[in-house]
PDB file of N, CA and C in Angstrom:
ATOM      1  N   UNK A   1       0.832  -1.164   0.022  1.00  0.00           N
ATOM      2  CA  UNK A   1       0.030  -0.056   0.001  1.00  0.00           C
ATOM      3  C   UNK A   1       0.881   1.302   0.009  1.00  0.00           C
ATOM      4  N   UNK A   2       0.603   2.146  -0.862  1.00  0.00           N
ATOM      5  CA  UNK A   2       1.367   3.391  -0.914  1.00  0.00           C
ATOM      6  C   UNK A   2       0.826   4.483  -0.116  1.00  0.00           C
ATOM      7  N   UNK A   3       1.569   5.528   0.106  1.00  0.00           N
ATOM      8  CA  UNK A   3       1.265   6.702   0.857  1.00  0.00           C
ATOM      9  C   UNK A   3       0.034   7.296   0.384  1.00  0.00           C
ATOM     10  N   UNK A   4      -0.011   7.403  -0.988  1.00  0.00           N
ATOM     11  CA  UNK A   4      -1.258   7.966  -1.487  1.00  0.00           C
ATOM     12  C   UNK A   4      -2.561   7.224  -1.192  1.00  0.00           C
ATOM     13  N   UNK A   5      -2.578   5.838  -1.196  1.00  0.00           N
ATOM     14  CA  UNK A   5      -3.670   5.034  -0.907  1.00  0.00           C
ATOM     15  C   UNK A   5      -4.011   5.079   0.665  1.00  0.00           C
ATOM     16  N   UNK A   6      -3.035   5.438   1.416  1.00  0.00           N
ATOM     17  CA  UNK A   6      -3.320   5.574   2.907  1.00  0.00           C
ATOM     18  C   UNK A   6      -4.166   6.691   3.303  1.00  0.00           C
ATOM     19  N   UNK A   7      -3.917   7.830   2.455  1.00  0.00           N
ATOM     20  CA  UNK A   7      -4.631   9.133   2.689  1.00  0.00           C
ATOM     21  C   UNK A   7      -5.919   9.251   1.861  1.00  0.00           C
ATOM     22  N   UNK A   8      -6.147   8.295   0.961  1.00  0.00           N
ATOM     23  CA  UNK A   8      -7.345   8.405   0.031  1.00  0.00           C
ATOM     24  C   UNK A   8      -8.679   8.505   0.766  1.00  0.00           C
ATOM     25  N   UNK A   9      -9.034   7.765   1.871  1.00  0.00           N
ATOM     26  CA  UNK A   9     -10.286   8.052   2.653  1.00  0.00           C
ATOM     27  C   UNK A   9     -10.387   9.405   3.105  1.00  0.00           C
ATOM     28  N   UNK A  10      -9.332   9.965   3.685  1.00  0.00           N
ATOM     29  CA  UNK A  10      -9.315  11.312   4.234  1.00  0.00           C
ATOM     30  C   UNK A  10      -9.590  12.273   3.094  1.00  0.00           C
ATOM     31  N   UNK A  11      -8.972  12.189   1.925  1.00  0.00           N
ATOM     32  CA  UNK A  11      -9.122  13.060   0.918  1.00  0.00           C
ATOM     33  C   UNK A  11     -10.632  12.958   0.345  1.00  0.00           C
ATOM     34  N   UNK A  12     -11.047  11.699   0.199  1.00  0.00           N
ATOM     35  CA  UNK A  12     -12.486  11.471  -0.220  1.00  0.00           C
ATOM     36  C   UNK A  12     -13.432  12.311   0.629  1.00  0.00           C
ATOM     37  N   UNK A  13     -13.235  12.250   2.027  1.00  0.00           N
ATOM     38  CA  UNK A  13     -14.180  12.818   2.899  1.00  0.00           C
ATOM     39  C   UNK A  13     -14.080  14.374   2.753  1.00  0.00           C
ATOM     40  N   UNK A  14     -12.786  14.814   2.532  1.00  0.00           N
ATOM     41  CA  UNK A  14     -12.596  16.276   2.467  1.00  0.00           C
ATOM     42  C   UNK A  14     -13.184  16.756   1.212  1.00  0.00           C
ATOM     43  N   UNK A  15     -13.272  15.995   0.069  1.00  0.00           N
ATOM     44  CA  UNK A  15     -13.824  16.408  -1.120  1.00  0.00           C
ATOM     45  C   UNK A  15     -15.295  15.957  -1.326  1.00  0.00           C
ATOM     46  N   UNK A  16     -15.949  15.466  -0.270  1.00  0.00           N
ATOM     47  CA  UNK A  16     -17.325  15.025  -0.271  1.00  0.00           C
ATOM     48  C   UNK A  16     -17.599  14.002  -1.330  1.00  0.00           C
ATOM     49  N   UNK A  17     -16.639  13.074  -1.515  1.00  0.00           N
ATOM     50  CA  UNK A  17     -16.932  12.103  -2.599  1.00  0.00           C
ATOM     51  C   UNK A  17     -17.734  10.921  -1.965  1.00  0.00           C
ATOM     52  N   UNK A  18     -17.747  10.879  -0.582  1.00  0.00           N
ATOM     53  CA  UNK A  18     -18.523   9.781   0.029  1.00  0.00           C
ATOM     54  C   UNK A  18     -19.967  10.360   0.082  1.00  0.00           C
ATOM     55  N   UNK A  19     -20.908   9.417   0.084  1.00  0.00           N
ATOM     56  CA  UNK A  19     -22.326   9.711   0.092  1.00  0.00           C
ATOM     57  C   UNK A  19     -22.692  10.647   1.288  1.00  0.00           C
ATOM     58  N   UNK A  20     -23.304  11.839   1.034  1.00  0.00           N
ATOM     59  CA  UNK A  20     -23.750  12.624   2.130  1.00  0.00           C
ATOM     60  C   UNK A  20     -25.167  12.224   2.565  1.00  0.00           C
ATOM     61  N   UNK A  21     -25.517  12.340   3.682  1.00  0.00           N
ATOM     62  CA  UNK A  21     -26.854  12.060   4.077  1.00  0.00           C
ATOM     63  C   UNK A  21     -28.051  12.673   3.286  1.00  0.00           C
ATOM     64  N   UNK A  22     -29.067  11.917   3.024  1.00  0.00           N
ATOM     65  CA  UNK A  22     -30.147  12.575   2.230  1.00  0.00           C
ATOM     66  C   UNK A  22     -30.844  13.533   3.144  1.00  0.00           C
ATOM     67  N   UNK A  23     -31.580  14.402   2.444  1.00  0.00           N
ATOM     68  CA  UNK A  23     -32.430  15.425   3.180  1.00  0.00           C
ATOM     69  C   UNK A  23     -33.413  14.757   4.175  1.00  0.00           C
ATOM     70  N   UNK A  24     -34.034  13.727   3.651  1.00  0.00           N
ATOM     71  CA  UNK A  24     -35.116  13.048   4.493  1.00  0.00           C
ATOM     72  C   UNK A  24     -34.491  12.448   5.799  1.00  0.00           C
ATOM     73  N   UNK A  25     -33.179  11.847   5.685  1.00  0.00           N
ATOM     74  CA  UNK A  25     -32.479  11.327   6.859  1.00  0.00           C
ATOM     75  C   UNK A  25     -32.109  12.538   7.892  1.00  0.00           C
ATOM     76  N   UNK A  26     -31.593  13.637   7.247  1.00  0.00           N
ATOM     77  CA  UNK A  26     -31.221  14.737   8.118  1.00  0.00           C
ATOM     78  C   UNK A  26     -32.417  15.373   8.746  1.00  0.00           C
ATOM     79  N   UNK A  27     -33.585  15.466   8.093  1.00  0.00           N
ATOM     80  CA  UNK A  27     -34.742  16.038   8.791  1.00  0.00           C
ATOM     81  C   UNK A  27     -35.252  15.026   9.907  1.00  0.00           C
ATOM     82  N   UNK A  28     -35.092  13.713   9.649  1.00  0.00           N
ATOM     83  CA  UNK A  28     -35.561  12.838  10.760  1.00  0.00           C
ATOM     84  C   UNK A  28     -34.578  12.887  11.962  1.00  0.00           C
ATOM     85  N   UNK A  29     -33.308  13.045  11.672  1.00  0.00           N
ATOM     86  CA  UNK A  29     -32.341  13.298  12.753  1.00  0.00           C
ATOM     87  C   UNK A  29     -32.647  14.556  13.577  1.00  0.00           C
ATOM     88  N   UNK A  30     -32.873  15.606  12.766  1.00  0.00           N
ATOM     89  CA  UNK A  30     -33.069  16.862  13.316  1.00  0.00           C
ATOM     90  C   UNK A  30     -34.406  16.878  14.251  1.00  0.00           C
ATOM     91  N   UNK A  31     -35.432  16.258  13.767  1.00  0.00           N
ATOM     92  CA  UNK A  31     -36.707  16.064  14.470  1.00  0.00           C
ATOM     93  C   UNK A  31     -36.447  15.308  15.818  1.00  0.00           C
ATOM     94  N   UNK A  32     -35.719  14.252  15.720  1.00  0.00           N
ATOM     95  CA  UNK A  32     -35.343  13.436  16.829  1.00  0.00           C
ATOM     96  C   UNK A  32     -34.597  14.160  17.853  1.00  0.00           C
ATOM     97  N   UNK A  33     -33.557  14.932  17.478  1.00  0.00           N
ATOM     98  CA  UNK A  33     -32.758  15.699  18.281  1.00  0.00           C
ATOM     99  C   UNK A  33     -33.610  16.904  18.954  1.00  0.00           C
ATOM    100  N   UNK A  34     -34.496  17.447  18.218  1.00  0.00           N
ATOM    101  CA  UNK A  34     -35.285  18.525  18.864  1.00  0.00           C
ATOM    102  C   UNK A  34     -36.274  17.827  19.852  1.00  0.00           C
ATOM    103  N   UNK A  35     -36.832  16.768  19.607  1.00  0.00           N
ATOM    104  CA  UNK A  35     -37.718  16.194  20.626  1.00  0.00           C
ATOM    105  C   UNK A  35     -36.914  15.764  21.817  1.00  0.00           C
ATOM    106  N   UNK A  36     -35.699  15.255  21.705  1.00  0.00           N
ATOM    107  CA  UNK A  36     -34.903  14.852  22.774  1.00  0.00           C
ATOM    108  C   UNK A  36     -34.479  16.048  23.480  1.00  0.00           C
ATOM    109  N   UNK A  37     -34.063  17.194  22.921  1.00  0.00           N
ATOM    110  CA  UNK A  37     -33.704  18.403  23.560  1.00  0.00           C
ATOM    111  C   UNK A  37     -34.841  18.887  24.386  1.00  0.00           C
ATOM    112  N   UNK A  38     -36.059  18.883  23.740  1.00  0.00           N
ATOM    113  CA  UNK A  38     -37.186  19.378  24.591  1.00  0.00           C
ATOM    114  C   UNK A  38     -37.490  18.639  25.874  1.00  0.00           C
ATOM    115  N   UNK A  39     -37.409  17.247  25.898  1.00  0.00           N
ATOM    116  CA  UNK A  39     -37.514  16.366  26.921  1.00  0.00           C
ATOM    117  C   UNK A  39     -36.422  16.754  28.059  1.00  0.00           C
ATOM    118  N   UNK A  40     -35.348  17.011  27.612  1.00  0.00           N
ATOM    119  CA  UNK A  40     -34.202  17.289  28.500  1.00  0.00           C
ATOM    120  C   UNK A  40     -34.386  18.668  29.113  1.00  0.00           C
ATOM    121  N   UNK A  41     -34.870  19.635  28.269  1.00  0.00           N
ATOM    122  CA  UNK A  41     -35.131  20.931  28.698  1.00  0.00           C
ATOM    123  C   UNK A  41     -36.250  20.821  29.906  1.00  0.00           C
ATOM    124  N   UNK A  42     -37.227  20.143  29.662  1.00  0.00           N
ATOM    125  CA  UNK A  42     -38.362  20.034  30.581  1.00  0.00           C
ATOM    126  C   UNK A  42     -37.845  19.459  31.967  1.00  0.00           C
ATOM    127  N   UNK A  43     -37.125  18.377  31.899  1.00  0.00           N
ATOM    128  CA  UNK A  43     -36.626  17.673  33.069  1.00  0.00           C
ATOM    129  C   UNK A  43     -35.608  18.585  33.828  1.00  0.00           C
ATOM    130  N   UNK A  44     -34.695  19.155  33.080  1.00  0.00           N
ATOM    131  CA  UNK A  44     -33.638  20.009  33.714  1.00  0.00           C
ATOM    132  C   UNK A  44     -34.195  21.310  34.189  1.00  0.00           C
ATOM    133  N   UNK A  45     -35.251  21.854  33.460  1.00  0.00           N
ATOM    134  CA  UNK A  45     -35.857  23.120  33.785  1.00  0.00           C
ATOM    135  C   UNK A  45     -36.536  22.978  35.090  1.00  0.00           C
ATOM    136  N   UNK A  46     -37.289  21.861  35.318  1.00  0.00           N
ATOM    137  CA  UNK A  46     -37.952  21.593  36.564  1.00  0.00           C
ATOM    138  C   UNK A  46     -36.978  21.515  37.795  1.00  0.00           C
ATOM    139  N   UNK A  47     -35.830  20.737  37.467  1.00  0.00           N
ATOM    140  CA  UNK A  47     -34.905  20.573  38.575  1.00  0.00           C
ATOM    141  C   UNK A  47     -34.233  21.943  38.888  1.00  0.00           C
ATOM    142  N   UNK A  48     -33.955  22.799  37.933  1.00  0.00           N
ATOM    143  CA  UNK A  48     -33.288  23.945  38.174  1.00  0.00           C
ATOM    144  C   UNK A  48     -34.235  25.022  38.701  1.00  0.00           C
ATOM    145  N   UNK A  49     -35.606  24.852  38.441  1.00  0.00           N
ATOM    146  CA  UNK A  49     -36.599  25.808  38.998  1.00  0.00           C
ATOM    147  C   UNK A  49     -36.637  25.617  40.481  1.00  0.00           C
ATOM    148  N   UNK A  50     -36.454  24.441  41.000  1.00  0.00           N
ATOM    149  CA  UNK A  50     -36.460  24.313  42.496  1.00  0.00           C
ATOM    150  C   UNK A  50     -35.402  24.979  43.069  1.00  0.00           C
ATOM    151  N   UNK A  51     -34.129  24.870  42.432  1.00  0.00           N
ATOM    152  CA  UNK A  51     -32.935  25.405  43.144  1.00  0.00           C
ATOM    153  C   UNK A  51     -32.680  26.841  42.538  1.00  0.00           C
ATOM    154  N   UNK A  52     -33.608  27.523  41.873  1.00  0.00           N
ATOM    155  CA  UNK A  52     -33.449  28.976  41.339  1.00  0.00           C
ATOM    156  C   UNK A  52     -32.126  29.100  40.526  1.00  0.00           C
ATOM    157  N   UNK A  53     -31.807  28.174  39.676  1.00  0.00           N
ATOM    158  CA  UNK A  53     -30.640  28.228  38.882  1.00  0.00           C
ATOM    159  C   UNK A  53     -31.127  28.426  37.366  1.00  0.00           C
ATOM    160  N   UNK A  54     -30.497  29.322  36.748  1.00  0.00           N
ATOM    161  CA  UNK A  54     -30.864  29.658  35.281  1.00  0.00           C
ATOM    162  C   UNK A  54     -30.022  28.634  34.444  1.00  0.00           C
ATOM    163  N   UNK A  55     -30.673  28.076  33.512  1.00  0.00           N
ATOM    164  CA  UNK A  55     -29.921  27.067  32.557  1.00  0.00           C
ATOM    165  C   UNK A  55     -30.161  27.602  31.194  1.00  0.00           C
ATOM    166  N   UNK A  56     -29.094  27.439  30.318  1.00  0.00           N
ATOM    167  CA  UNK A  56     -29.188  27.696  28.926  1.00  0.00           C
ATOM    168  C   UNK A  56     -28.594  26.535  28.159  1.00  0.00           C
ATOM    169  N   UNK A  57     -29.424  25.869  27.424  1.00  0.00           N
ATOM    170  CA  UNK A  57     -29.055  24.752  26.609  1.00  0.00           C
ATOM    171  C   UNK A  57     -28.945  25.087  25.201  1.00  0.00           C
ATOM    172  N   UNK A  58     -28.059  24.430  24.529  1.00  0.00           N
ATOM    173  CA  UNK A  58     -27.835  24.706  23.072  1.00  0.00           C
ATOM    174  C   UNK A  58     -28.096  23.362  22.423  1.00  0.00           C
ATOM    175  N   UNK A  59     -28.272  23.404  21.088  1.00  0.00           N
ATOM    176  CA  UNK A  59     -28.495  22.239  20.393  1.00  0.00           C
ATOM    177  C   UNK A  59     -27.297  21.330  20.360  1.00  0.00           C
ATOM    178  N   UNK A  60     -27.730  19.993  20.446  1.00  0.00           N
ATOM    179  CA  UNK A  60     -26.679  19.005  20.515  1.00  0.00           C
ATOM    180  C   UNK A  60     -25.809  18.943  19.247  1.00  0.00           C
ATOM    181  N   UNK A  61     -24.524  18.615  19.394  1.00  0.00           N
ATOM    182  CA  UNK A  61     -23.731  18.452  18.189  1.00  0.00           C
ATOM    183  C   UNK A  61     -23.371  19.753  17.399  1.00  0.00           C
ATOM    184  N   UNK A  62     -23.663  20.879  18.060  1.00  0.00           N
ATOM    185  CA  UNK A  62     -23.385  22.127  17.295  1.00  0.00           C
ATOM    186  C   UNK A  62     -22.167  22.895  18.106  1.00  0.00           C
ATOM    187  N   UNK A  63     -21.465  23.521  17.320  1.00  0.00           N
ATOM    188  CA  UNK A  63     -20.325  24.182  18.093  1.00  0.00           C
ATOM    189  C   UNK A  63     -20.634  25.632  18.320  1.00  0.00           C
ATOM    190  N   UNK A  64     -20.217  26.199  19.344  1.00  0.00           N
ATOM    191  CA  UNK A  64     -20.443  27.551  19.621  1.00  0.00           C
ATOM    192  C   UNK A  64     -19.932  28.508  18.550  1.00  0.00           C
ATOM    193  N   UNK A  65     -20.487  29.642  18.351  1.00  0.00           N
ATOM    194  CA  UNK A  65     -19.984  30.520  17.283  1.00  0.00           C
ATOM    195  C   UNK A  65     -18.578  30.906  17.503  1.00  0.00           C
ATOM    196  N   UNK A  66     -17.659  30.817  16.571  1.00  0.00           N
ATOM    197  CA  UNK A  66     -16.337  31.328  16.626  1.00  0.00           C
ATOM    198  C   UNK A  66     -16.070  32.262  15.460  1.00  0.00           C
ATOM    199  N   UNK A  67     -16.033  33.588  15.890  1.00  0.00           N
ATOM    200  CA  UNK A  67     -15.907  34.617  14.793  1.00  0.00           C
ATOM    201  C   UNK A  67     -14.603  34.374  13.937  1.00  0.00           C
ATOM    202  N   UNK A  68     -13.544  34.063  14.717  1.00  0.00           N
ATOM    203  CA  UNK A  68     -12.259  34.014  14.035  1.00  0.00           C
ATOM    204  C   UNK A  68     -12.193  32.851  13.046  1.00  0.00           C
ATOM    205  N   UNK A  69     -12.675  31.701  13.492  1.00  0.00           N
ATOM    206  CA  UNK A  69     -12.667  30.619  12.511  1.00  0.00           C
ATOM    207  C   UNK A  69     -13.638  30.758  11.408  1.00  0.00           C
ATOM    208  N   UNK A  70     -14.724  31.535  11.746  1.00  0.00           N
ATOM    209  CA  UNK A  70     -15.764  31.806  10.576  1.00  0.00           C
ATOM    210  C   UNK A  70     -15.152  32.775   9.509  1.00  0.00           C
ATOM    211  N   UNK A  71     -14.285  33.682  10.030  1.00  0.00           N
ATOM    212  CA  UNK A  71     -13.632  34.605   9.105  1.00  0.00           C
ATOM    213  C   UNK A  71     -12.597  33.847   8.166  1.00  0.00           C
ATOM    214  N   UNK A  72     -11.943  33.037   8.898  1.00  0.00           N
ATOM    215  CA  UNK A  72     -10.898  32.221   8.202  1.00  0.00           C
ATOM    216  C   UNK A  72     -11.641  31.344   7.006  1.00  0.00           C
ATOM    217  N   UNK A  73     -12.732  30.694   7.345  1.00  0.00           N
ATOM    218  CA  UNK A  73     -13.383  29.963   6.449  1.00  0.00           C
ATOM    219  C   UNK A  73     -13.974  30.753   5.412  1.00  0.00           C
ATOM    220  N   UNK A  74     -14.480  31.932   5.690  1.00  0.00           N
ATOM    221  CA  UNK A  74     -15.091  32.816   4.590  1.00  0.00           C
ATOM    222  C   UNK A  74     -13.891  33.327   3.736  1.00  0.00           C
ATOM    223  N   UNK A  75     -12.668  33.475   4.192  1.00  0.00           N
ATOM    224  CA  UNK A  75     -11.590  34.013   3.420  1.00  0.00           C
ATOM    225  C   UNK A  75     -11.153  32.892   2.455  1.00  0.00           C
ATOM    226  N   UNK A  76     -11.209  31.635   2.907  1.00  0.00           N
ATOM    227  CA  UNK A  76     -10.803  30.523   2.096  1.00  0.00           C
ATOM    228  C   UNK A  76     -11.840  30.360   0.967  1.00  0.00           C
ATOM    229  N   UNK A  77     -13.175  30.519   1.296  1.00  0.00           N
ATOM    230  CA  UNK A  77     -14.241  30.244   0.204  1.00  0.00           C
ATOM    231  C   UNK A  77     -14.182  31.421  -0.786  1.00  0.00           C
ATOM    232  N   UNK A  78     -14.027  32.696  -0.188  1.00  0.00           N
ATOM    233  CA  UNK A  78     -13.942  33.838  -1.075  1.00  0.00           C
ATOM    234  C   UNK A  78     -12.653  33.766  -2.043  1.00  0.00           C
ATOM    235  N   UNK A  79     -11.641  33.382  -1.450  1.00  0.00           N
ATOM    236  CA  UNK A  79     -10.392  33.224  -2.449  1.00  0.00           C
ATOM    237  C   UNK A  79     -10.577  32.171  -3.395  1.00  0.00           C
ATOM    238  N   UNK A  80     -11.256  31.141  -3.049  1.00  0.00           N
ATOM    239  CA  UNK A  80     -11.491  29.909  -3.866  1.00  0.00           C
ATOM    240  C   UNK A  80     -12.509  30.388  -5.065  1.00  0.00           C
ATOM    241  N   UNK A  81     -13.591  31.043  -4.603  1.00  0.00           N
ATOM    242  CA  UNK A  81     -14.387  31.655  -5.738  1.00  0.00           C
ATOM    243  C   UNK A  81     -13.711  32.562  -6.726  1.00  0.00           C
ATOM    244  N   UNK A  82     -12.846  33.425  -6.110  1.00  0.00           N
ATOM    245  CA  UNK A  82     -12.123  34.341  -7.032  1.00  0.00           C
ATOM    246  C   UNK A  82     -11.201  33.597  -7.982  1.00  0.00           C
ATOM    247  N   UNK A  83     -10.549  32.534  -7.489  1.00  0.00           N
ATOM    248  CA  UNK A  83      -9.610  31.764  -8.299  1.00  0.00           C
ATOM    249  C   UNK A  83     -10.493  30.952  -9.324  1.00  0.00           C
ATOM    250  N   UNK A  84     -11.599  30.372  -8.970  1.00  0.00           N
ATOM    251  CA  UNK A  84     -12.322  29.579  -9.947  1.00  0.00           C
ATOM    252  C   UNK A  84     -13.064  30.372 -10.968  1.00  0.00           C
ATOM    253  N   UNK A  85     -13.418  31.550 -10.577  1.00  0.00           N
ATOM    254  CA  UNK A  85     -14.151  32.368 -11.534  1.00  0.00           C
ATOM    255  C   UNK A  85     -13.108  33.035 -12.555  1.00  0.00           C
ATOM    256  N   UNK A  86     -11.897  33.253 -12.207  1.00  0.00           N
ATOM    257  CA  UNK A  86     -10.918  33.886 -13.146  1.00  0.00           C
ATOM    258  C   UNK A  86     -10.405  32.683 -14.069  1.00  0.00           C
ATOM    259  N   UNK A  87     -10.653  31.458 -13.828  1.00  0.00           N
ATOM    260  CA  UNK A  87     -10.195  30.442 -14.752  1.00  0.00           C
ATOM    261  C   UNK A  87     -11.520  29.629 -15.207  1.00  0.00           C
ATOM    262  N   UNK A  88     -11.403  29.012 -16.287  1.00  0.00           N
ATOM    263  CA  UNK A  88     -12.462  28.010 -16.566  1.00  0.00           C
ATOM    264  C   UNK A  88     -12.318  26.703 -15.875  1.00  0.00           C
ATOM    265  N   UNK A  89     -13.294  26.318 -15.115  1.00  0.00           N
ATOM    266  CA  UNK A  89     -13.110  25.081 -14.370  1.00  0.00           C
ATOM    267  C   UNK A  89     -14.235  24.138 -14.534  1.00  0.00           C
ATOM    268  N   UNK A  90     -13.918  22.910 -14.116  1.00  0.00           N
ATOM    269  CA  UNK A  90     -15.038  21.964 -14.158  1.00  0.00           C
ATOM    270  C   UNK A  90     -15.569  21.879 -12.776  1.00  0.00           C
ATOM    271  N   UNK A  91     -16.919  21.532 -12.555  1.00  0.00           N
ATOM    272  CA  UNK A  91     -17.549  21.423 -11.269  1.00  0.00           C
ATOM    273  C   UNK A  91     -16.911  20.270 -10.423  1.00  0.00           C
ATOM    274  N   UNK A  92     -16.431  19.296 -11.039  1.00  0.00           N
ATOM    275  CA  UNK A  92     -16.006  18.197 -10.262  1.00  0.00           C
ATOM    276  C   UNK A  92     -14.529  18.500  -9.685  1.00  0.00           C
ATOM    277  N   UNK A  93     -13.899  19.571 -10.193  1.00  0.00           N
ATOM    278  CA  UNK A  93     -12.608  19.848  -9.680  1.00  0.00           C
ATOM    279  C   UNK A  93     -12.600  20.975  -8.624  1.00  0.00           C
ATOM    280  N   UNK A  94     -13.682  21.507  -8.104  1.00  0.00           N
ATOM    281  CA  UNK A  94     -13.767  22.546  -7.179  1.00  0.00           C
ATOM    282  C   UNK A  94     -13.168  22.137  -5.821  1.00  0.00           C
ATOM    283  N   UNK A  95     -13.283  20.848  -5.391  1.00  0.00           N
ATOM    284  CA  UNK A  95     -12.679  20.466  -4.282  1.00  0.00           C
ATOM    285  C   UNK A  95     -11.142  20.455  -4.267  1.00  0.00           C
ATOM    286  N   UNK A  96     -10.549  19.956  -5.378  1.00  0.00           N
ATOM    287  CA  UNK A  96      -9.142  20.060  -5.488  1.00  0.00           C
ATOM    288  C   UNK A  96      -8.673  21.628  -5.579  1.00  0.00           C
ATOM    289  N   UNK A  97      -9.473  22.454  -6.086  1.00  0.00           N
ATOM    290  CA  UNK A  97      -9.214  23.884  -6.155  1.00  0.00           C
ATOM    291  C   UNK A  97      -9.148  24.507  -4.737  1.00  0.00           C
ATOM    292  N   UNK A  98     -10.153  23.966  -3.853  1.00  0.00           N
ATOM    293  CA  UNK A  98     -10.132  24.447  -2.549  1.00  0.00           C
ATOM    294  C   UNK A  98      -8.928  24.038  -1.768  1.00  0.00           C
ATOM    295  N   UNK A  99      -8.553  22.774  -1.927  1.00  0.00           N
ATOM    296  CA  UNK A  99      -7.286  22.326  -1.353  1.00  0.00           C
ATOM    297  C   UNK A  99      -6.015  23.031  -1.853  1.00  0.00           C
ATOM    298  N   UNK A 100      -5.942  23.315  -3.043  1.00  0.00           N
ATOM    299  CA  UNK A 100      -4.901  24.007  -3.687  1.00  0.00           C
ATOM    300  C   UNK A 100      -4.885  25.501  -3.084  1.00  0.00           C
ATOM    301  N   UNK A 101      -5.997  26.078  -2.972  1.00  0.00           N
ATOM    302  CA  UNK A 101      -6.168  27.389  -2.423  1.00  0.00           C
ATOM    303  C   UNK A 101      -5.621  27.490  -0.978  1.00  0.00           C
ATOM    304  N   UNK A 102      -6.056  26.457  -0.113  1.00  0.00           N
ATOM    305  CA  UNK A 102      -5.637  26.459   1.274  1.00  0.00           C
ATOM    306  C   UNK A 102      -4.031  26.363   1.238  1.00  0.00           C
ATOM    307  N   UNK A 103      -3.510  25.468   0.449  1.00  0.00           N
ATOM    308  CA  UNK A 103      -2.068  25.322   0.284  1.00  0.00           C
ATOM    309  C   UNK A 103      -1.384  26.699  -0.035  1.00  0.00           C
ATOM    310  N   UNK A 104      -2.022  27.436  -1.018  1.00  0.00           N
ATOM    311  CA  UNK A 104      -1.331  28.790  -1.326  1.00  0.00           C
ATOM    312  C   UNK A 104      -1.499  29.605  -0.128  1.00  0.00           C
ATOM    313  N   UNK A 105      -2.575  29.849   0.602  1.00  0.00           N
ATOM    314  CA  UNK A 105      -2.879  30.647   1.672  1.00  0.00           C
ATOM    315  C   UNK A 105      -1.900  30.409   2.786  1.00  0.00           C
ATOM    316  N   UNK A 106      -1.573  29.055   2.959  1.00  0.00           N
ATOM    317  CA  UNK A 106      -0.608  28.809   3.992  1.00  0.00           C
ATOM    318  C   UNK A 106       0.800  29.108   3.741  1.00  0.00           C
ATOM    319  N   UNK A 107       1.113  29.409   2.360  1.00  0.00           N
ATOM    320  CA  UNK A 107       2.451  29.830   2.022  1.00  0.00           C
ATOM    321  C   UNK A 107       2.633  31.258   1.886  1.00  0.00           C
ATOM    322  N   UNK A 108       1.566  32.034   1.950  1.00  0.00           N
ATOM    323  CA  UNK A 108       1.601  33.490   1.899  1.00  0.00           C
ATOM    324  C   UNK A 108       2.052  34.075   3.277  1.00  0.00           C
ATOM    325  N   UNK A 109       2.959  35.139   3.132  1.00  0.00           N
ATOM    326  CA  UNK A 109       3.291  35.808   4.378  1.00  0.00           C
ATOM    327  C   UNK A 109       2.170  36.491   5.036  1.00  0.00           C
ATOM    328  N   UNK A 110       2.064  36.407   6.387  1.00  0.00           N
ATOM    329  CA  UNK A 110       0.978  37.129   7.171  1.00  0.00           C
ATOM    330  C   UNK A 110       1.565  38.246   7.931  1.00  0.00           C
ATOM    331  N   UNK A 111       0.824  39.478   7.968  1.00  0.00           N
ATOM    332  CA  UNK A 111       1.225  40.526   8.663  1.00  0.00           C
ATOM    333  C   UNK A 111       1.163  40.275  10.120  1.00  0.00           C
ATOM    334  N   UNK A 112       0.147  39.467  10.582  1.00  0.00           N
ATOM    335  CA  UNK A 112       0.009  39.171  12.044  1.00  0.00           C
ATOM    336  C   UNK A 112       1.186  38.338  12.480  1.00  0.00           C
ATOM    337  N   UNK A 113       1.824  37.598  11.663  1.00  0.00           N
ATOM    338  CA  UNK A 113       3.048  36.823  12.107  1.00  0.00           C
ATOM    339  C   UNK A 113       4.327  37.403  11.862  1.00  0.00           C
ATOM    340  N   UNK A 114       4.277  38.675  11.478  1.00  0.00           N
ATOM    341  CA  UNK A 114       5.502  39.429  11.208  1.00  0.00           C
ATOM    342  C   UNK A 114       6.044  39.110   9.899  1.00  0.00           C
ATOM    343  N   UNK A 115       5.213  39.108   8.777  1.00  0.00           N
ATOM    344  CA  UNK A 115       5.542  38.751   7.475  1.00  0.00           C
ATOM    345  C   UNK A 115       6.265  37.500   7.363  1.00  0.00           C
ATOM    346  N   UNK A 116       5.785  36.568   8.189  1.00  0.00           N
ATOM    347  CA  UNK A 116       6.253  35.077   7.919  1.00  0.00           C
ATOM    348  C   UNK A 116       5.127  34.232   7.598  1.00  0.00           C
ATOM    349  N   UNK A 117       5.281  33.319   6.715  1.00  0.00           N
ATOM    350  CA  UNK A 117       4.163  32.444   6.409  1.00  0.00           C
ATOM    351  C   UNK A 117       3.849  31.488   7.499  1.00  0.00           C
ATOM    352  N   UNK A 118       2.590  31.049   7.604  1.00  0.00           N
ATOM    353  CA  UNK A 118       2.319  29.982   8.530  1.00  0.00           C
ATOM    354  C   UNK A 118       3.166  28.800   8.479  1.00  0.00           C
ATOM    355  N   UNK A 119       3.339  28.398   7.220  1.00  0.00           N
ATOM    356  CA  UNK A 119       4.261  27.171   6.911  1.00  0.00           C
ATOM    357  C   UNK A 119       5.678  27.384   7.513  1.00  0.00           C
ATOM    358  N   UNK A 120       6.206  28.572   7.419  1.00  0.00           N
ATOM    359  CA  UNK A 120       7.625  28.741   7.943  1.00  0.00           C
ATOM    360  C   UNK A 120       7.446  28.763   9.332  1.00  0.00           C
ATOM    361  N   UNK A 121       6.403  29.274   9.917  1.00  0.00           N
ATOM    362  CA  UNK A 121       6.170  29.368  11.482  1.00  0.00           C
ATOM    363  C   UNK A 121       6.243  28.042  12.121  1.00  0.00           C
ATOM    364  N   UNK A 122       5.744  27.091  11.417  1.00  0.00           N
ATOM    365  CA  UNK A 122       5.802  25.698  11.948  1.00  0.00           C
ATOM    366  C   UNK A 122       7.131  25.216  12.196  1.00  0.00           C
TER     367      UNK A 122
END
């Protein structure tokens, strides 16, 4: 087995080559999670009401908002769109283009790092 074959499952998942869940399955999972969250909220709310504690529950399996990470992802996608618009591309190669764009961004010097690229910083 070669090095390329070892990383193929990771590359496939990054490029969404594996089957993504269907909309119906996603909606069923969402409905199940909402029902479960409501039951937990009722049980915990009753217990906290007795102890006069305020509780805040968020949806399960969701990450808290992270502005810095969201800005980085938006920068990657905006750069990717600009690169793809300026060239003629096939729809099937957009995942490879995104990975290439991330590679390029990691090689560019950053003002925050003192004009050193993140790759050199490692």
